[in-house]
Amino acid sequence: MMFRKRIERAFRFLKEGRAEEPSPKELAKRNAQKNIQTEKGDFWALLLSAWMVIVPIALLVLLLVVGLPLLLIYLLG
């Protein structure tokens, strides 16, 4: 075949590349061993961003749960 050498070379390259890569278990161990330290203001920034996402959604749900029945009672009653 015309491309046999190229195909064999590609497969050899793939085998060599896979041999050098660590296994998923080794990657998990390395990630667990790393101690990720945050900067001084990171905690409060994360907390603020979480509140900015959660509070509007909670208010919308509360409005639907409480406001919609009250609106229906007002319009029908």
Protein backbone atom coordinates (compact mmCIF):
# COMPACT_ATOMS: atom_id res chain seq x y z
CA MET A 1 0.00 0.00 0.00
CA MET A 2 1.08 3.55 -0.59
CA PHE A 3 0.43 4.86 2.91
CA ARG A 4 1.47 1.81 4.93
CA LYS A 5 4.65 3.45 6.26
CA ARG A 6 2.75 6.56 7.25
CA ILE A 7 0.07 4.55 9.04
CA GLU A 8 2.65 2.47 10.89
CA ARG A 9 4.55 5.60 11.89
CA ALA A 10 1.32 7.20 13.18
CA PHE A 11 0.47 4.12 15.25
CA ARG A 12 4.01 4.03 16.65
CA PHE A 13 3.71 7.69 17.61
CA LEU A 14 0.40 7.04 19.36
CA LYS A 15 1.82 4.11 21.32
CA GLU A 16 4.83 6.14 22.45
CA GLY A 17 2.63 9.06 23.47
CA ARG A 18 0.33 6.87 25.52
CA ALA A 19 3.25 5.25 27.31
CA GLU A 20 4.44 8.66 28.52
CA GLU A 21 1.05 9.82 29.79
CA PRO A 22 0.26 9.04 33.44
CA SER A 23 -2.76 6.92 34.22
CA PRO A 24 -5.96 8.55 35.52
CA LYS A 25 -5.28 7.10 38.97
CA GLU A 26 -1.86 8.74 39.06
CA LEU A 27 -3.37 12.05 37.95
CA ALA A 28 -5.98 11.84 40.72
CA LYS A 29 -3.27 11.20 43.32
CA ARG A 30 -1.23 14.16 42.08
CA ASN A 31 -4.25 16.47 42.18
CA ALA A 32 -5.19 15.31 45.68
CA GLN A 33 -1.67 15.98 46.93
CA LYS A 34 -1.59 19.55 45.64
CA ASN A 35 -2.51 22.10 48.26
CA ILE A 36 -4.34 24.89 46.51
CA GLN A 37 -3.96 28.11 48.43
CA THR A 38 -6.15 31.10 47.77
CA GLU A 39 -5.24 34.71 48.05
CA LYS A 40 -6.51 36.92 50.85
CA GLY A 41 -9.67 38.27 49.17
CA ASP A 42 -10.58 35.19 47.16
CA PHE A 43 -12.91 33.72 49.78
CA TRP A 44 -15.02 36.86 50.02
CA ALA A 45 -15.09 37.27 46.25
CA LEU A 46 -16.31 33.69 45.86
CA LEU A 47 -18.92 34.20 48.55
CA LEU A 48 -20.15 37.43 46.97
CA SER A 49 -20.40 35.89 43.52
CA ALA A 50 -22.33 32.91 44.93
CA TRP A 51 -24.78 35.27 46.63
CA MET A 52 -25.17 37.27 43.41
CA VAL A 53 -26.22 34.09 41.62
CA ILE A 54 -28.32 32.35 44.29
CA VAL A 55 -30.28 35.28 45.77
CA PRO A 56 -31.98 36.46 42.53
CA ILE A 57 -32.99 32.90 41.68
CA ALA A 58 -34.37 32.34 45.20
CA LEU A 59 -36.32 35.62 45.01
CA LEU A 60 -37.79 34.62 41.66
CA VAL A 61 -38.89 31.24 43.02
CA LEU A 62 -40.36 32.92 46.10
CA LEU A 63 -42.24 35.39 43.91
CA LEU A 64 -43.70 32.55 41.85
CA VAL A 65 -44.66 30.47 44.87
CA VAL A 66 -46.21 33.29 46.90
CA GLY A 67 -47.02 36.04 44.44
CA LEU A 68 -48.78 34.05 41.75
CA PRO A 69 -51.44 32.55 44.08
CA LEU A 70 -52.03 35.96 45.67
CA LEU A 71 -52.44 37.51 42.23
CA LEU A 72 -54.94 34.81 41.22
CA ILE A 73 -56.90 35.30 44.45
CA TYR A 74 -56.97 39.04 43.87
CA LEU A 75 -58.10 38.74 40.24
CA LEU A 76 -60.70 35.99 40.78
CA GLY A 77 -61.95 37.02 44.20
